[in-house]
C-alpha atoms as a PDB file:
ATOM      1  CA  UNK A   1     -19.118   4.383  39.079  1.00  0.00           C
ATOM      2  CA  UNK A   2     -19.399   0.606  39.183  1.00  0.00           C
ATOM      3  CA  UNK A   3     -20.938  -1.659  41.812  1.00  0.00           C
ATOM      4  CA  UNK A   4     -17.787  -1.825  43.932  1.00  0.00           C
ATOM      5  CA  UNK A   5     -17.816   1.974  44.193  1.00  0.00           C
ATOM      6  CA  UNK A   6     -14.396   2.361  42.610  1.00  0.00           C
ATOM      7  CA  UNK A   7     -13.251   4.038  39.482  1.00  0.00           C
ATOM      8  CA  UNK A   8     -10.683   1.915  37.664  1.00  0.00           C
ATOM      9  CA  UNK A   9      -7.506   3.444  36.217  1.00  0.00           C
ATOM     10  CA  UNK A  10      -4.999   2.750  33.476  1.00  0.00           C
ATOM     11  CA  UNK A  11      -1.765   4.583  34.404  1.00  0.00           C
ATOM     12  CA  UNK A  12       0.768   5.245  31.659  1.00  0.00           C
ATOM     13  CA  UNK A  13       4.249   6.021  32.931  1.00  0.00           C
ATOM     14  CA  UNK A  14       6.330   7.413  30.070  1.00  0.00           C
ATOM     15  CA  UNK A  15       8.315  10.453  28.974  1.00  0.00           C
ATOM     16  CA  UNK A  16       5.124  12.541  29.355  1.00  0.00           C
ATOM     17  CA  UNK A  17       4.898  11.669  33.079  1.00  0.00           C
ATOM     18  CA  UNK A  18       2.104   9.765  34.814  1.00  0.00           C
ATOM     19  CA  UNK A  19      -1.031   9.847  32.661  1.00  0.00           C
ATOM     20  CA  UNK A  20      -4.132   8.394  34.324  1.00  0.00           C
ATOM     21  CA  UNK A  21      -7.118   7.224  32.285  1.00  0.00           C
ATOM     22  CA  UNK A  22     -10.003   6.620  34.649  1.00  0.00           C
ATOM     23  CA  UNK A  23     -12.851   4.350  33.572  1.00  0.00           C
ATOM     24  CA  UNK A  24     -15.937   2.614  34.838  1.00  0.00           C
ATOM     25  CA  UNK A  25     -15.911  -1.031  33.646  1.00  0.00           C
ATOM     26  CA  UNK A  26     -19.648  -0.824  33.091  1.00  0.00           C
ATOM     27  CA  UNK A  27     -19.380   2.029  30.552  1.00  0.00           C
ATOM     28  CA  UNK A  28     -18.873   0.262  27.232  1.00  0.00           C
ATOM     29  CA  UNK A  29     -17.591   3.243  25.221  1.00  0.00           C
ATOM     30  CA  UNK A  30     -15.077   4.281  27.851  1.00  0.00           C
ATOM     31  CA  UNK A  31     -13.822   0.700  28.237  1.00  0.00           C
ATOM     32  CA  UNK A  32     -13.450   0.443  24.462  1.00  0.00           C
ATOM     33  CA  UNK A  33     -11.439   3.699  24.340  1.00  0.00           C
ATOM     34  CA  UNK A  34      -9.114   2.612  27.149  1.00  0.00           C
ATOM     35  CA  UNK A  35      -8.713  -0.850  25.568  1.00  0.00           C
ATOM     36  CA  UNK A  36      -7.710   0.765  22.251  1.00  0.00           C
ATOM     37  CA  UNK A  37      -5.095   2.886  24.041  1.00  0.00           C
ATOM     38  CA  UNK A  38      -3.838  -0.193  25.871  1.00  0.00           C
ATOM     39  CA  UNK A  39      -3.507  -2.164  22.617  1.00  0.00           C
ATOM     40  CA  UNK A  40      -1.687   0.727  20.944  1.00  0.00           C
ATOM     41  CA  UNK A  41       0.822   0.829  23.774  1.00  0.00           C
ATOM     42  CA  UNK A  42       1.352  -2.930  23.681  1.00  0.00           C
ATOM     43  CA  UNK A  43       2.009  -2.758  19.890  1.00  0.00           C
ATOM     44  CA  UNK A  44       4.605  -0.039  20.581  1.00  0.00           C
ATOM     45  CA  UNK A  45       6.493  -2.415  22.947  1.00  0.00           C
ATOM     46  CA  UNK A  46       5.211  -1.246  26.322  1.00  0.00           C
ATOM     47  CA  UNK A  47       4.685  -3.675  29.199  1.00  0.00           C
ATOM     48  CA  UNK A  48       1.653  -3.722  31.515  1.00  0.00           C
ATOM     49  CA  UNK A  49       1.155  -4.726  35.106  1.00  0.00           C
ATOM     50  CA  UNK A  50      -2.117  -5.446  36.890  1.00  0.00           C
ATOM     51  CA  UNK A  51      -1.487  -4.099  40.401  1.00  0.00           C
ATOM     52  CA  UNK A  52      -5.061  -4.563  41.611  1.00  0.00           C
ATOM     53  CA  UNK A  53      -3.801  -7.229  44.022  1.00  0.00           C
ATOM     54  CA  UNK A  54      -0.424  -7.950  45.519  1.00  0.00           C
ATOM     55  CA  UNK A  55       1.766  -9.174  44.141  1.00  0.00           C
ATOM     56  CA  UNK A  56       1.069  -7.491  40.808  1.00  0.00           C
ATOM     57  CA  UNK A  57       1.376  -9.495  37.579  1.00  0.00           C
ATOM     58  CA  UNK A  58       2.382  -8.850  34.007  1.00  0.00           C
ATOM     59  CA  UNK A  59      -0.583  -8.787  31.618  1.00  0.00           C
ATOM     60  CA  UNK A  60      -0.730  -8.803  27.840  1.00  0.00           C
ATOM     61  CA  UNK A  61      -4.434  -8.128  27.335  1.00  0.00           C
ATOM     62  CA  UNK A  62      -6.604  -5.385  28.779  1.00  0.00           C
ATOM     63  CA  UNK A  63      -8.796  -6.468  31.695  1.00  0.00           C
ATOM     64  CA  UNK A  64     -11.559  -3.958  32.434  1.00  0.00           C
ATOM     65  CA  UNK A  65     -12.136  -5.603  35.821  1.00  0.00           C
ATOM     66  CA  UNK A  66      -8.603  -4.732  37.003  1.00  0.00           C
ATOM     67  CA  UNK A  67      -8.846  -1.747  39.317  1.00  0.00           C
ATOM     68  CA  UNK A  68      -5.351  -0.478  38.488  1.00  0.00           C
ATOM     69  CA  UNK A  69      -3.139  -1.220  35.507  1.00  0.00           C
ATOM     70  CA  UNK A  70       0.300   0.391  35.102  1.00  0.00           C
ATOM     71  CA  UNK A  71       1.859   0.557  31.617  1.00  0.00           C
ATOM     72  CA  UNK A  72       5.523   1.487  31.069  1.00  0.00           C
ATOM     73  CA  UNK A  73       8.048   1.313  28.272  1.00  0.00           C
ATOM     74  CA  UNK A  74      10.134  -1.875  28.362  1.00  0.00           C
ATOM     75  CA  UNK A  75      13.225  -1.533  30.480  1.00  0.00           C
ATOM     76  CA  UNK A  76      16.588  -1.937  28.811  1.00  0.00           C
ATOM     77  CA  UNK A  77      19.952  -2.281  30.390  1.00  0.00           C
ATOM     78  CA  UNK A  78      22.751  -4.550  31.063  1.00  0.00           C
END
């Protein structure tokens, strides 16, 4: 657990449900693994939101200091 006492989480909301990847930003290997998963999802057209603070914001690169990131497929409609 990091200095702020919180475990950070990357939440993936997709057809598999709500998958949560918890990580400590001070653990290099875990951060690297989560970053690789994040990059893979971005390459597949997903969109990510840093909801660590309100209002949340769209992000395009992984930020290990974000306490909660939500990743979803792009929305389509009309």
